Amino acid sequence: MKYQTELKDEILFVRLHEDLIAGPDTQRLIATIDEQVDGDVLLCAIDLSDVRFMDSSGMGVLVSLLTKFRNRGGELVLIRPSGHIRKLLIVTKLNAIFTIAENDSFATQFLKESTYLS
């Protein structure tokens, strides 16, 4: 798995590519996001549009990250999950706990509004 991160308007944008499965790249991703959370970043948008495959450990990573942000009073959204990933979210009922945004603008708007609700 490859990824890029960008901090924009106090939102951490994470763009994932290829497969979201267990491995050293996943551990590096978690460590990178942990650094941002420890640096008081409370909002995160994860772009899944280029993720081809995700296994149970990949779903676990997403749930863990969501929990991490929410426990600190923040929020996380998923951007443009592919058809395959959307089906996995529905089958596992994770679509009920994640907010799904169709683009960066919607993700930014939702995350900014969620900070006013806290």
PDB file of N, CA and C in Angstrom:
ATOM      1  N   MET A   1       0.841  -1.173   0.000  1.00  0.00           N
ATOM      2  CA  MET A   1       0.000   0.000   0.000  1.00  0.00           C
ATOM      3  C   MET A   1       0.887   1.237   0.000  1.00  0.00           C
ATOM      4  N   LYS A   2       0.490   2.185  -0.794  1.00  0.00           N
ATOM      5  CA  LYS A   2       1.157   3.479  -0.829  1.00  0.00           C
ATOM      6  C   LYS A   2       0.173   4.511  -0.320  1.00  0.00           C
ATOM      7  N   TYR A   3       0.715   5.602   0.223  1.00  0.00           N
ATOM      8  CA  TYR A   3      -0.168   6.660   0.694  1.00  0.00           C
ATOM      9  C   TYR A   3       0.555   7.993   0.712  1.00  0.00           C
ATOM     10  N   GLN A   4      -0.239   9.061   0.670  1.00  0.00           N
ATOM     11  CA  GLN A   4       0.263  10.413   0.851  1.00  0.00           C
ATOM     12  C   GLN A   4      -0.603  11.082   1.899  1.00  0.00           C
ATOM     13  N   THR A   5       0.007  11.986   2.665  1.00  0.00           N
ATOM     14  CA  THR A   5      -0.745  12.764   3.646  1.00  0.00           C
ATOM     15  C   THR A   5      -0.527  14.238   3.361  1.00  0.00           C
ATOM     16  N   GLU A   6      -1.550  15.017   3.682  1.00  0.00           N
ATOM     17  CA  GLU A   6      -1.482  16.464   3.508  1.00  0.00           C
ATOM     18  C   GLU A   6      -2.351  17.094   4.586  1.00  0.00           C
ATOM     19  N   LEU A   7      -1.809  18.079   5.281  1.00  0.00           N
ATOM     20  CA  LEU A   7      -2.571  18.819   6.279  1.00  0.00           C
ATOM     21  C   LEU A   7      -3.044  20.103   5.615  1.00  0.00           C
ATOM     22  N   LYS A   8      -4.372  20.241   5.502  1.00  0.00           N
ATOM     23  CA  LYS A   8      -4.950  21.387   4.808  1.00  0.00           C
ATOM     24  C   LYS A   8      -6.159  21.867   5.596  1.00  0.00           C
ATOM     25  N   ASP A   9      -6.173  23.134   5.977  1.00  0.00           N
ATOM     26  CA  ASP A   9      -7.286  23.713   6.744  1.00  0.00           C
ATOM     27  C   ASP A   9      -7.563  22.924   8.023  1.00  0.00           C
ATOM     28  N   GLU A  10      -6.494  22.508   8.718  1.00  0.00           N
ATOM     29  CA  GLU A  10      -6.584  21.754   9.961  1.00  0.00           C
ATOM     30  C   GLU A  10      -7.198  20.359   9.794  1.00  0.00           C
ATOM     31  N   ILE A  11      -7.245  19.887   8.551  1.00  0.00           N
ATOM     32  CA  ILE A  11      -7.754  18.542   8.251  1.00  0.00           C
ATOM     33  C   ILE A  11      -6.607  17.722   7.665  1.00  0.00           C
ATOM     34  N   LEU A  12      -6.415  16.530   8.206  1.00  0.00           N
ATOM     35  CA  LEU A  12      -5.420  15.609   7.664  1.00  0.00           C
ATOM     36  C   LEU A  12      -6.077  14.807   6.538  1.00  0.00           C
ATOM     37  N   PHE A  13      -5.611  15.016   5.317  1.00  0.00           N
ATOM     38  CA  PHE A  13      -6.077  14.241   4.172  1.00  0.00           C
ATOM     39  C   PHE A  13      -5.088  13.108   3.939  1.00  0.00           C
ATOM     40  N   VAL A  14      -5.612  11.889   3.905  1.00  0.00           N
ATOM     41  CA  VAL A  14      -4.795  10.702   3.673  1.00  0.00           C
ATOM     42  C   VAL A  14      -5.299  10.056   2.399  1.00  0.00           C
ATOM     43  N   ARG A  15      -4.427   9.911   1.419  1.00  0.00           N
ATOM     44  CA  ARG A  15      -4.806   9.307   0.136  1.00  0.00           C
ATOM     45  C   ARG A  15      -4.136   7.941   0.036  1.00  0.00           C
ATOM     46  N   LEU A  16      -4.971   6.903   0.059  1.00  0.00           N
ATOM     47  CA  LEU A  16      -4.457   5.529   0.012  1.00  0.00           C
ATOM     48  C   LEU A  16      -4.497   5.014  -1.418  1.00  0.00           C
ATOM     49  N   HIS A  17      -3.524   4.168  -1.749  1.00  0.00           N
ATOM     50  CA  HIS A  17      -3.436   3.575  -3.088  1.00  0.00           C
ATOM     51  C   HIS A  17      -3.170   2.082  -2.952  1.00  0.00           C
ATOM     52  N   GLU A  18      -3.682   1.320  -3.886  1.00  0.00           N
ATOM     53  CA  GLU A  18      -3.511  -0.128  -3.974  1.00  0.00           C
ATOM     54  C   GLU A  18      -4.359  -0.859  -2.934  1.00  0.00           C
ATOM     55  N   ASP A  19      -3.763  -1.740  -2.112  1.00  0.00           N
ATOM     56  CA  ASP A  19      -4.528  -2.588  -1.195  1.00  0.00           C
ATOM     57  C   ASP A  19      -4.347  -2.135   0.251  1.00  0.00           C
ATOM     58  N   LEU A  20      -5.434  -2.196   1.018  1.00  0.00           N
ATOM     59  CA  LEU A  20      -5.363  -1.888   2.451  1.00  0.00           C
ATOM     60  C   LEU A  20      -5.415  -3.210   3.198  1.00  0.00           C
ATOM     61  N   ILE A  21      -4.212  -3.748   3.447  1.00  0.00           N
ATOM     62  CA  ILE A  21      -4.067  -5.036   4.125  1.00  0.00           C
ATOM     63  C   ILE A  21      -2.965  -4.913   5.176  1.00  0.00           C
ATOM     64  N   ALA A  22      -2.884  -5.906   6.059  1.00  0.00           N
ATOM     65  CA  ALA A  22      -1.855  -5.889   7.112  1.00  0.00           C
ATOM     66  C   ALA A  22      -0.471  -5.933   6.489  1.00  0.00           C
ATOM     67  N   GLY A  23       0.453  -5.227   7.127  1.00  0.00           N
ATOM     68  CA  GLY A  23       1.834  -5.241   6.659  1.00  0.00           C
ATOM     69  C   GLY A  23       2.583  -4.032   7.163  1.00  0.00           C
ATOM     70  N   PRO A  24       3.854  -3.938   6.808  1.00  0.00           N
ATOM     71  CA  PRO A  24       4.670  -2.819   7.305  1.00  0.00           C
ATOM     72  C   PRO A  24       4.167  -1.455   6.840  1.00  0.00           C
ATOM     73  N   ASP A  25       3.622  -1.382   5.630  1.00  0.00           N
ATOM     74  CA  ASP A  25       3.103  -0.103   5.145  1.00  0.00           C
ATOM     75  C   ASP A  25       1.925   0.363   5.992  1.00  0.00           C
ATOM     76  N   THR A  26       1.097  -0.575   6.408  1.00  0.00           N
ATOM     77  CA  THR A  26      -0.049  -0.237   7.251  1.00  0.00           C
ATOM     78  C   THR A  26       0.426   0.273   8.599  1.00  0.00           C
ATOM     79  N   GLN A  27       1.455  -0.340   9.149  1.00  0.00           N
ATOM     80  CA  GLN A  27       2.007   0.113  10.427  1.00  0.00           C
ATOM     81  C   GLN A  27       2.608   1.513  10.306  1.00  0.00           C
ATOM     82  N   ARG A  28       3.269   1.799   9.181  1.00  0.00           N
ATOM     83  CA  ARG A  28       3.804   3.139   8.955  1.00  0.00           C
ATOM     84  C   ARG A  28       2.681   4.161   8.846  1.00  0.00           C
ATOM     85  N   LEU A  29       1.601   3.781   8.164  1.00  0.00           N
ATOM     86  CA  LEU A  29       0.440   4.667   8.046  1.00  0.00           C
ATOM     87  C   LEU A  29      -0.117   5.011   9.425  1.00  0.00           C
ATOM     88  N   ILE A  30      -0.307   4.005  10.255  1.00  0.00           N
ATOM     89  CA  ILE A  30      -0.843   4.226  11.606  1.00  0.00           C
ATOM     90  C   ILE A  30       0.093   5.127  12.406  1.00  0.00           C
ATOM     91  N   ALA A  31       1.394   4.891  12.312  1.00  0.00           N
ATOM     92  CA  ALA A  31       2.363   5.719  13.033  1.00  0.00           C
ATOM     93  C   ALA A  31       2.323   7.166  12.547  1.00  0.00           C
ATOM     94  N   THR A  32       2.202   7.359  11.243  1.00  0.00           N
ATOM     95  CA  THR A  32       2.124   8.704  10.672  1.00  0.00           C
ATOM     96  C   THR A  32       0.890   9.431  11.190  1.00  0.00           C
ATOM     97  N   ILE A  33      -0.239   8.744  11.206  1.00  0.00           N
ATOM     98  CA  ILE A  33      -1.473   9.369  11.687  1.00  0.00           C
ATOM     99  C   ILE A  33      -1.398   9.603  13.189  1.00  0.00           C
ATOM    100  N   ASP A  34      -0.804   8.685  13.928  1.00  0.00           N
ATOM    101  CA  ASP A  34      -0.620   8.881  15.375  1.00  0.00           C
ATOM    102  C   ASP A  34       0.156  10.159  15.665  1.00  0.00           C
ATOM    103  N   GLU A  35       1.198  10.420  14.880  1.00  0.00           N
ATOM    104  CA  GLU A  35       1.985  11.645  15.065  1.00  0.00           C
ATOM    105  C   GLU A  35       1.115  12.878  14.893  1.00  0.00           C
ATOM    106  N   GLN A  36       0.234  12.846  13.895  1.00  0.00           N
ATOM    107  CA  GLN A  36      -0.643  13.983  13.645  1.00  0.00           C
ATOM    108  C   GLN A  36      -1.647  14.164  14.783  1.00  0.00           C
ATOM    109  N   VAL A  37      -2.209  13.050  15.249  1.00  0.00           N
ATOM    110  CA  VAL A  37      -3.173  13.116  16.353  1.00  0.00           C
ATOM    111  C   VAL A  37      -2.482  13.633  17.610  1.00  0.00           C
ATOM    112  N   ASP A  38      -1.263  13.179  17.866  1.00  0.00           N
ATOM    113  CA  ASP A  38      -0.503  13.664  19.020  1.00  0.00           C
ATOM    114  C   ASP A  38      -0.169  15.148  18.868  1.00  0.00           C
ATOM    115  N   GLY A  39      -0.140  15.621  17.634  1.00  0.00           N
ATOM    116  CA  GLY A  39       0.106  17.036  17.369  1.00  0.00           C
ATOM    117  C   GLY A  39      -1.181  17.841  17.336  1.00  0.00           C
ATOM    118  N   ASP A  40      -2.243  17.291  17.894  1.00  0.00           N
ATOM    119  CA  ASP A  40      -3.543  17.963  18.035  1.00  0.00           C
ATOM    120  C   ASP A  40      -4.348  18.098  16.745  1.00  0.00           C
ATOM    121  N   VAL A  41      -4.089  17.267  15.755  1.00  0.00           N
ATOM    122  CA  VAL A  41      -4.957  17.217  14.583  1.00  0.00           C
ATOM    123  C   VAL A  41      -6.174  16.374  14.967  1.00  0.00           C
ATOM    124  N   LEU A  42      -7.369  16.927  14.805  1.00  0.00           N
ATOM    125  CA  LEU A  42      -8.593  16.244  15.243  1.00  0.00           C
ATOM    126  C   LEU A  42      -9.494  15.816  14.091  1.00  0.00           C
ATOM    127  N   LEU A  43      -9.184  16.265  12.879  1.00  0.00           N
ATOM    128  CA  LEU A  43     -10.051  15.978  11.738  1.00  0.00           C
ATOM    129  C   LEU A  43      -9.257  15.244  10.665  1.00  0.00           C
ATOM    130  N   CYS A  44      -9.888  14.211  10.085  1.00  0.00           N
ATOM    131  CA  CYS A  44      -9.193  13.389   9.099  1.00  0.00           C
ATOM    132  C   CYS A  44     -10.148  12.957   7.995  1.00  0.00           C
ATOM    133  N   ALA A  45      -9.656  12.991   6.770  1.00  0.00           N
ATOM    134  CA  ALA A  45     -10.395  12.493   5.610  1.00  0.00           C
ATOM    135  C   ALA A  45      -9.506  11.481   4.891  1.00  0.00           C
ATOM    136  N   ILE A  46     -10.011  10.272   4.738  1.00  0.00           N
ATOM    137  CA  ILE A  46      -9.230   9.213   4.099  1.00  0.00           C
ATOM    138  C   ILE A  46      -9.834   8.912   2.730  1.00  0.00           C
ATOM    139  N   ASP A  47      -9.050   9.155   1.689  1.00  0.00           N
ATOM    140  CA  ASP A  47      -9.480   8.939   0.311  1.00  0.00           C
ATOM    141  C   ASP A  47      -9.214   7.479  -0.065  1.00  0.00           C
ATOM    142  N   LEU A  48     -10.289   6.746  -0.318  1.00  0.00           N
ATOM    143  CA  LEU A  48     -10.193   5.323  -0.652  1.00  0.00           C
ATOM    144  C   LEU A  48     -10.453   5.044  -2.131  1.00  0.00           C
ATOM    145  N   SER A  49     -10.513   6.079  -2.949  1.00  0.00           N
ATOM    146  CA  SER A  49     -10.891   5.889  -4.352  1.00  0.00           C
ATOM    147  C   SER A  49      -9.924   5.005  -5.127  1.00  0.00           C
ATOM    148  N   ASP A  50      -8.652   4.937  -4.709  1.00  0.00           N
ATOM    149  CA  ASP A  50      -7.662   4.106  -5.412  1.00  0.00           C
ATOM    150  C   ASP A  50      -7.342   2.810  -4.682  1.00  0.00           C
ATOM    151  N   VAL A  51      -8.151   2.459  -3.672  1.00  0.00           N
ATOM    152  CA  VAL A  51      -7.931   1.199  -2.959  1.00  0.00           C
ATOM    153  C   VAL A  51      -8.646   0.093  -3.728  1.00  0.00           C
ATOM    154  N   ARG A  52      -7.882  -0.908  -4.158  1.00  0.00           N
ATOM    155  CA  ARG A  52      -8.445  -2.000  -4.954  1.00  0.00           C
ATOM    156  C   ARG A  52      -9.045  -3.089  -4.086  1.00  0.00           C
ATOM    157  N   PHE A  53      -8.386  -3.369  -2.942  1.00  0.00           N
ATOM    158  CA  PHE A  53      -8.792  -4.481  -2.085  1.00  0.00           C
ATOM    159  C   PHE A  53      -8.552  -4.101  -0.642  1.00  0.00           C
ATOM    160  N   MET A  54      -9.444  -4.549   0.236  1.00  0.00           N
ATOM    161  CA  MET A  54      -9.272  -4.333   1.669  1.00  0.00           C
ATOM    162  C   MET A  54      -9.712  -5.603   2.371  1.00  0.00           C
ATOM    163  N   ASP A  55      -8.863  -6.110   3.285  1.00  0.00           N
ATOM    164  CA  ASP A  55      -9.224  -7.298   4.049  1.00  0.00           C
ATOM    165  C   ASP A  55      -9.689  -6.880   5.441  1.00  0.00           C
ATOM    166  N   SER A  56      -9.912  -7.858   6.308  1.00  0.00           N
ATOM    167  CA  SER A  56     -10.428  -7.559   7.649  1.00  0.00           C
ATOM    168  C   SER A  56      -9.454  -6.703   8.458  1.00  0.00           C
ATOM    169  N   SER A  57      -8.154  -6.893   8.241  1.00  0.00           N
ATOM    170  CA  SER A  57      -7.200  -6.057   8.974  1.00  0.00           C
ATOM    171  C   SER A  57      -7.274  -4.614   8.477  1.00  0.00           C
ATOM    172  N   GLY A  58      -7.534  -4.427   7.206  1.00  0.00           N
ATOM    173  CA  GLY A  58      -7.716  -3.077   6.663  1.00  0.00           C
ATOM    174  C   GLY A  58      -8.940  -2.407   7.255  1.00  0.00           C
ATOM    175  N   MET A  59     -10.030  -3.160   7.384  1.00  0.00           N
ATOM    176  CA  MET A  59     -11.231  -2.618   8.025  1.00  0.00           C
ATOM    177  C   MET A  59     -10.933  -2.280   9.483  1.00  0.00           C
ATOM    178  N   GLY A  60     -10.152  -3.133  10.133  1.00  0.00           N
ATOM    179  CA  GLY A  60      -9.766  -2.877  11.521  1.00  0.00           C
ATOM    180  C   GLY A  60      -8.969  -1.591  11.661  1.00  0.00           C
ATOM    181  N   VAL A  61      -8.104  -1.314  10.694  1.00  0.00           N
ATOM    182  CA  VAL A  61      -7.325  -0.076  10.707  1.00  0.00           C
ATOM    183  C   VAL A  61      -8.261   1.127  10.639  1.00  0.00           C
ATOM    184  N   LEU A  62      -9.231   1.077   9.727  1.00  0.00           N
ATOM    185  CA  LEU A  62     -10.172   2.198   9.592  1.00  0.00           C
ATOM    186  C   LEU A  62     -10.972   2.416  10.879  1.00  0.00           C
ATOM    187  N   VAL A  63     -11.451   1.333  11.476  1.00  0.00           N
ATOM    188  CA  VAL A  63     -12.213   1.447  12.724  1.00  0.00           C
ATOM    189  C   VAL A  63     -11.325   1.992  13.840  1.00  0.00           C
ATOM    190  N   SER A  64     -10.097   1.518  13.912  1.00  0.00           N
ATOM    191  CA  SER A  64      -9.161   1.991  14.926  1.00  0.00           C
ATOM    192  C   SER A  64      -8.889   3.487  14.776  1.00  0.00           C
ATOM    193  N   LEU A  65      -8.690   3.942  13.537  1.00  0.00           N
ATOM    194  CA  LEU A  65      -8.435   5.356  13.300  1.00  0.00           C
ATOM    195  C   LEU A  65      -9.662   6.199  13.641  1.00  0.00           C
ATOM    196  N   LEU A  66     -10.834   5.727  13.269  1.00  0.00           N
ATOM    197  CA  LEU A  66     -12.071   6.442  13.604  1.00  0.00           C
ATOM    198  C   LEU A  66     -12.196   6.588  15.117  1.00  0.00           C
ATOM    199  N   THR A  67     -11.954   5.515  15.833  1.00  0.00           N
ATOM    200  CA  THR A  67     -12.037   5.524  17.300  1.00  0.00           C
ATOM    201  C   THR A  67     -11.026   6.499  17.885  1.00  0.00           C
ATOM    202  N   LYS A  68      -9.811   6.483  17.344  1.00  0.00           N
ATOM    203  CA  LYS A  68      -8.748   7.365  17.824  1.00  0.00           C
ATOM    204  C   LYS A  68      -9.164   8.835  17.707  1.00  0.00           C
ATOM    205  N   PHE A  69      -9.705   9.215  16.554  1.00  0.00           N
ATOM    206  CA  PHE A  69     -10.122  10.605  16.351  1.00  0.00           C
ATOM    207  C   PHE A  69     -11.322  10.959  17.231  1.00  0.00           C
ATOM    208  N   ARG A  70     -12.309  10.089  17.280  1.00  0.00           N
ATOM    209  CA  ARG A  70     -13.502  10.384  18.081  1.00  0.00           C
ATOM    210  C   ARG A  70     -13.194  10.437  19.568  1.00  0.00           C
ATOM    211  N   ASN A  71     -12.282   9.607  20.057  1.00  0.00           N
ATOM    212  CA  ASN A  71     -11.912   9.639  21.476  1.00  0.00           C
ATOM    213  C   ASN A  71     -11.258  10.956  21.871  1.00  0.00           C
ATOM    214  N   ARG A  72     -10.693  11.643  20.901  1.00  0.00           N
ATOM    215  CA  ARG A  72     -10.056  12.945  21.175  1.00  0.00           C
ATOM    216  C   ARG A  72     -10.977  14.104  20.840  1.00  0.00           C
ATOM    217  N   GLY A  73     -12.244  13.796  20.522  1.00  0.00           N
ATOM    218  CA  GLY A  73     -13.199  14.849  20.194  1.00  0.00           C
ATOM    219  C   GLY A  73     -13.179  15.257  18.741  1.00  0.00           C
ATOM    220  N   GLY A  74     -12.563  14.446  17.900  1.00  0.00           N
ATOM    221  CA  GLY A  74     -12.456  14.744  16.481  1.00  0.00           C
ATOM    222  C   GLY A  74     -13.387  13.876  15.648  1.00  0.00           C
ATOM    223  N   GLU A  75     -13.107  13.835  14.348  1.00  0.00           N
ATOM    224  CA  GLU A  75     -13.951  13.075  13.424  1.00  0.00           C
ATOM    225  C   GLU A  75     -13.115  12.626  12.235  1.00  0.00           C
ATOM    226  N   LEU A  76     -13.582  11.568  11.582  1.00  0.00           N
ATOM    227  CA  LEU A  76     -12.933  11.007  10.404  1.00  0.00           C
ATOM    228  C   LEU A  76     -14.018  10.683   9.388  1.00  0.00           C
ATOM    229  N   VAL A  77     -13.752  10.975   8.118  1.00  0.00           N
ATOM    230  CA  VAL A  77     -14.663  10.602   7.037  1.00  0.00           C
ATOM    231  C   VAL A  77     -13.889   9.836   5.977  1.00  0.00           C
ATOM    232  N   LEU A  78     -14.601   9.054   5.202  1.00  0.00           N
ATOM    233  CA  LEU A  78     -14.025   8.324   4.077  1.00  0.00           C
ATOM    234  C   LEU A  78     -14.449   9.023   2.799  1.00  0.00           C
ATOM    235  N   ILE A  79     -13.507   9.194   1.885  1.00  0.00           N
ATOM    236  CA  ILE A  79     -13.799   9.851   0.610  1.00  0.00           C
ATOM    237  C   ILE A  79     -13.787   8.822  -0.515  1.00  0.00           C
ATOM    238  N   ARG A  80     -14.833   8.845  -1.315  1.00  0.00           N
ATOM    239  CA  ARG A  80     -14.954   8.072  -2.558  1.00  0.00           C
ATOM    240  C   ARG A  80     -14.501   6.617  -2.489  1.00  0.00           C
ATOM    241  N   PRO A  81     -15.028   5.827  -1.561  1.00  0.00           N
ATOM    242  CA  PRO A  81     -14.625   4.411  -1.594  1.00  0.00           C
ATOM    243  C   PRO A  81     -15.068   3.777  -2.918  1.00  0.00           C
ATOM    244  N   SER A  82     -14.232   2.921  -3.454  1.00  0.00           N
ATOM    245  CA  SER A  82     -14.561   2.236  -4.706  1.00  0.00           C
ATOM    246  C   SER A  82     -15.784   1.348  -4.489  1.00  0.00           C
ATOM    247  N   GLY A  83     -16.360   0.862  -5.564  1.00  0.00           N
ATOM    248  CA  GLY A  83     -17.532  -0.007  -5.476  1.00  0.00           C
ATOM    249  C   GLY A  83     -17.300  -1.216  -4.596  1.00  0.00           C
ATOM    250  N   HIS A  84     -16.162  -1.848  -4.743  1.00  0.00           N
ATOM    251  CA  HIS A  84     -15.821  -3.030  -3.941  1.00  0.00           C
ATOM    252  C   HIS A  84     -15.753  -2.677  -2.453  1.00  0.00           C
ATOM    253  N   ILE A  85     -15.120  -1.567  -2.145  1.00  0.00           N
ATOM    254  CA  ILE A  85     -14.968  -1.155  -0.747  1.00  0.00           C
ATOM    255  C   ILE A  85     -16.324  -0.752  -0.171  1.00  0.00           C
ATOM    256  N   ARG A  86     -17.146  -0.089  -0.964  1.00  0.00           N
ATOM    257  CA  ARG A  86     -18.505   0.270  -0.506  1.00  0.00           C
ATOM    258  C   ARG A  86     -19.300  -0.983  -0.137  1.00  0.00           C
ATOM    259  N   LYS A  87     -19.193  -2.003  -0.971  1.00  0.00           N
ATOM    260  CA  LYS A  87     -19.905  -3.255  -0.690  1.00  0.00           C
ATOM    261  C   LYS A  87     -19.424  -3.869   0.622  1.00  0.00           C
ATOM    262  N   LEU A  88     -18.122  -3.849   0.846  1.00  0.00           N
ATOM    263  CA  LEU A  88     -17.570  -4.378   2.101  1.00  0.00           C
ATOM    264  C   LEU A  88     -18.101  -3.589   3.304  1.00  0.00           C
ATOM    265  N   LEU A  89     -18.163  -2.271   3.167  1.00  0.00           N
ATOM    266  CA  LEU A  89     -18.673  -1.445   4.258  1.00  0.00           C
ATOM    267  C   LEU A  89     -20.137  -1.764   4.555  1.00  0.00           C
ATOM    268  N   ILE A  90     -20.899  -2.027   3.517  1.00  0.00           N
ATOM    269  CA  ILE A  90     -22.324  -2.355   3.697  1.00  0.00           C
ATOM    270  C   ILE A  90     -22.483  -3.741   4.319  1.00  0.00           C
ATOM    271  N   VAL A  91     -21.775  -4.728   3.785  1.00  0.00           N
ATOM    272  CA  VAL A  91     -21.877  -6.099   4.291  1.00  0.00           C
ATOM    273  C   VAL A  91     -21.483  -6.180   5.761  1.00  0.00           C
ATOM    274  N   THR A  92     -20.450  -5.425   6.136  1.00  0.00           N
ATOM    275  CA  THR A  92     -19.978  -5.448   7.518  1.00  0.00           C
ATOM    276  C   THR A  92     -20.725  -4.448   8.410  1.00  0.00           C
ATOM    277  N   LYS A  93     -21.649  -3.704   7.807  1.00  0.00           N
ATOM    278  CA  LYS A  93     -22.442  -2.679   8.493  1.00  0.00           C
ATOM    279  C   LYS A  93     -21.596  -1.515   9.012  1.00  0.00           C
ATOM    280  N   LEU A  94     -20.369  -1.407   8.513  1.00  0.00           N
ATOM    281  CA  LEU A  94     -19.523  -0.285   8.899  1.00  0.00           C
ATOM    282  C   LEU A  94     -19.979   1.018   8.253  1.00  0.00           C
ATOM    283  N   ASN A  95     -20.822   0.910   7.221  1.00  0.00           N
ATOM    284  CA  ASN A  95     -21.369   2.119   6.614  1.00  0.00           C
ATOM    285  C   ASN A  95     -22.241   2.893   7.604  1.00  0.00           C
ATOM    286  N   ALA A  96     -22.678   2.233   8.682  1.00  0.00           N
ATOM    287  CA  ALA A  96     -23.495   2.892   9.699  1.00  0.00           C
ATOM    288  C   ALA A  96     -22.652   3.755  10.642  1.00  0.00           C
ATOM    289  N   ILE A  97     -21.349   3.504  10.718  1.00  0.00           N
ATOM    290  CA  ILE A  97     -20.523   4.298  11.637  1.00  0.00           C
ATOM    291  C   ILE A  97     -19.612   5.287  10.917  1.00  0.00           C
ATOM    292  N   PHE A  98     -19.367   5.067   9.645  1.00  0.00           N
ATOM    293  CA  PHE A  98     -18.527   5.982   8.877  1.00  0.00           C
ATOM    294  C   PHE A  98     -19.371   6.939   8.061  1.00  0.00           C
ATOM    295  N   THR A  99     -18.929   8.178   7.983  1.00  0.00           N
ATOM    296  CA  THR A  99     -19.506   9.133   7.041  1.00  0.00           C
ATOM    297  C   THR A  99     -18.729   8.995   5.750  1.00  0.00           C
ATOM    298  N   ILE A 100     -19.445   8.929   4.642  1.00  0.00           N
ATOM    299  CA  ILE A 100     -18.814   8.789   3.334  1.00  0.00           C
ATOM    300  C   ILE A 100     -19.049  10.066   2.547  1.00  0.00           C
ATOM    301  N   ALA A 101     -17.961  10.657   2.078  1.00  0.00           N
ATOM    302  CA  ALA A 101     -18.020  11.881   1.281  1.00  0.00           C
ATOM    303  C   ALA A 101     -17.674  11.546  -0.170  1.00  0.00           C
ATOM    304  N   GLU A 102     -18.326  12.231  -1.089  1.00  0.00           N
ATOM    305  CA  GLU A 102     -18.074  11.968  -2.502  1.00  0.00           C
ATOM    306  C   GLU A 102     -16.903  12.770  -3.066  1.00  0.00           C
ATOM    307  N   ASN A 103     -16.445  13.786  -2.310  1.00  0.00           N
ATOM    308  CA  ASN A 103     -15.303  14.567  -2.772  1.00  0.00           C
ATOM    309  C   ASN A 103     -14.670  15.309  -1.594  1.00  0.00           C
ATOM    310  N   ASP A 104     -13.547  15.938  -1.851  1.00  0.00           N
ATOM    311  CA  ASP A 104     -12.821  16.658  -0.801  1.00  0.00           C
ATOM    312  C   ASP A 104     -13.651  17.800  -0.219  1.00  0.00           C
ATOM    313  N   SER A 105     -14.397  18.480  -1.082  1.00  0.00           N
ATOM    314  CA  SER A 105     -15.201  19.621  -0.615  1.00  0.00           C
ATOM    315  C   SER A 105     -16.255  19.184   0.398  1.00  0.00           C
ATOM    316  N   PHE A 106     -16.962  18.106   0.076  1.00  0.00           N
ATOM    317  CA  PHE A 106     -17.982  17.615   1.012  1.00  0.00           C
ATOM    318  C   PHE A 106     -17.331  17.148   2.311  1.00  0.00           C
ATOM    319  N   ALA A 107     -16.202  16.492   2.214  1.00  0.00           N
ATOM    320  CA  ALA A 107     -15.494  16.025   3.411  1.00  0.00           C
ATOM    321  C   ALA A 107     -15.091  17.208   4.283  1.00  0.00           C
ATOM    322  N   THR A 108     -14.543  18.243   3.659  1.00  0.00           N
ATOM    323  CA  THR A 108     -14.133  19.434   4.399  1.00  0.00           C
ATOM    324  C   THR A 108     -15.331  20.084   5.073  1.00  0.00           C
ATOM    325  N   GLN A 109     -16.412  20.240   4.324  1.00  0.00           N
ATOM    326  CA  GLN A 109     -17.615  20.865   4.885  1.00  0.00           C
ATOM    327  C   GLN A 109     -18.147  20.060   6.076  1.00  0.00           C
ATOM    328  N   PHE A 110     -18.258  18.746   5.918  1.00  0.00           N
ATOM    329  CA  PHE A 110     -18.760  17.909   7.009  1.00  0.00           C
ATOM    330  C   PHE A 110     -17.858  18.003   8.241  1.00  0.00           C
ATOM    331  N   LEU A 111     -16.556  17.910   8.033  1.00  0.00           N
ATOM    332  CA  LEU A 111     -15.626  17.924   9.155  1.00  0.00           C
ATOM    333  C   LEU A 111     -15.631  19.275   9.868  1.00  0.00           C
ATOM    334  N   LYS A 112     -15.692  20.355   9.118  1.00  0.00           N
ATOM    335  CA  LYS A 112     -15.736  21.679   9.746  1.00  0.00           C
ATOM    336  C   LYS A 112     -17.033  21.855  10.548  1.00  0.00           C
ATOM    337  N   GLU A 113     -18.159  21.368  10.001  1.00  0.00           N
ATOM    338  CA  GLU A 113     -19.427  21.461  10.716  1.00  0.00           C
ATOM    339  C   GLU A 113     -19.432  20.575  11.954  1.00  0.00           C
ATOM    340  N   SER A 114     -18.752  19.444  11.882  1.00  0.00           N
ATOM    341  CA  SER A 114     -18.744  18.522  13.031  1.00  0.00           C
ATOM    342  C   SER A 114     -18.004  19.128  14.216  1.00  0.00           C
ATOM    343  N   THR A 115     -17.045  20.028  13.944  1.00  0.00           N
ATOM    344  CA  THR A 115     -16.325  20.650  15.052  1.00  0.00           C
ATOM    345  C   THR A 115     -17.204  21.638  15.797  1.00  0.00           C
ATOM    346  N   TYR A 116     -18.206  22.200  15.119  1.00  0.00           N
ATOM    347  CA  TYR A 116     -19.130  23.122  15.794  1.00  0.00           C
ATOM    348  C   TYR A 116     -20.128  22.370  16.640  1.00  0.00           C
ATOM    349  N   LEU A 117     -20.361  21.092  16.320  1.00  0.00           N
ATOM    350  CA  LEU A 117     -21.327  20.282  17.077  1.00  0.00           C
ATOM    351  C   LEU A 117     -20.746  19.789  18.382  1.00  0.00           C
ATOM    352  N   SER A 118     -19.431  19.742  18.491  1.00  0.00           N
ATOM    353  CA  SER A 118     -18.774  19.212  19.690  1.00  0.00           C
ATOM    354  C   SER A 118     -18.847  20.186  20.845  1.00  0.00           C
TER     355      SER A 118
END
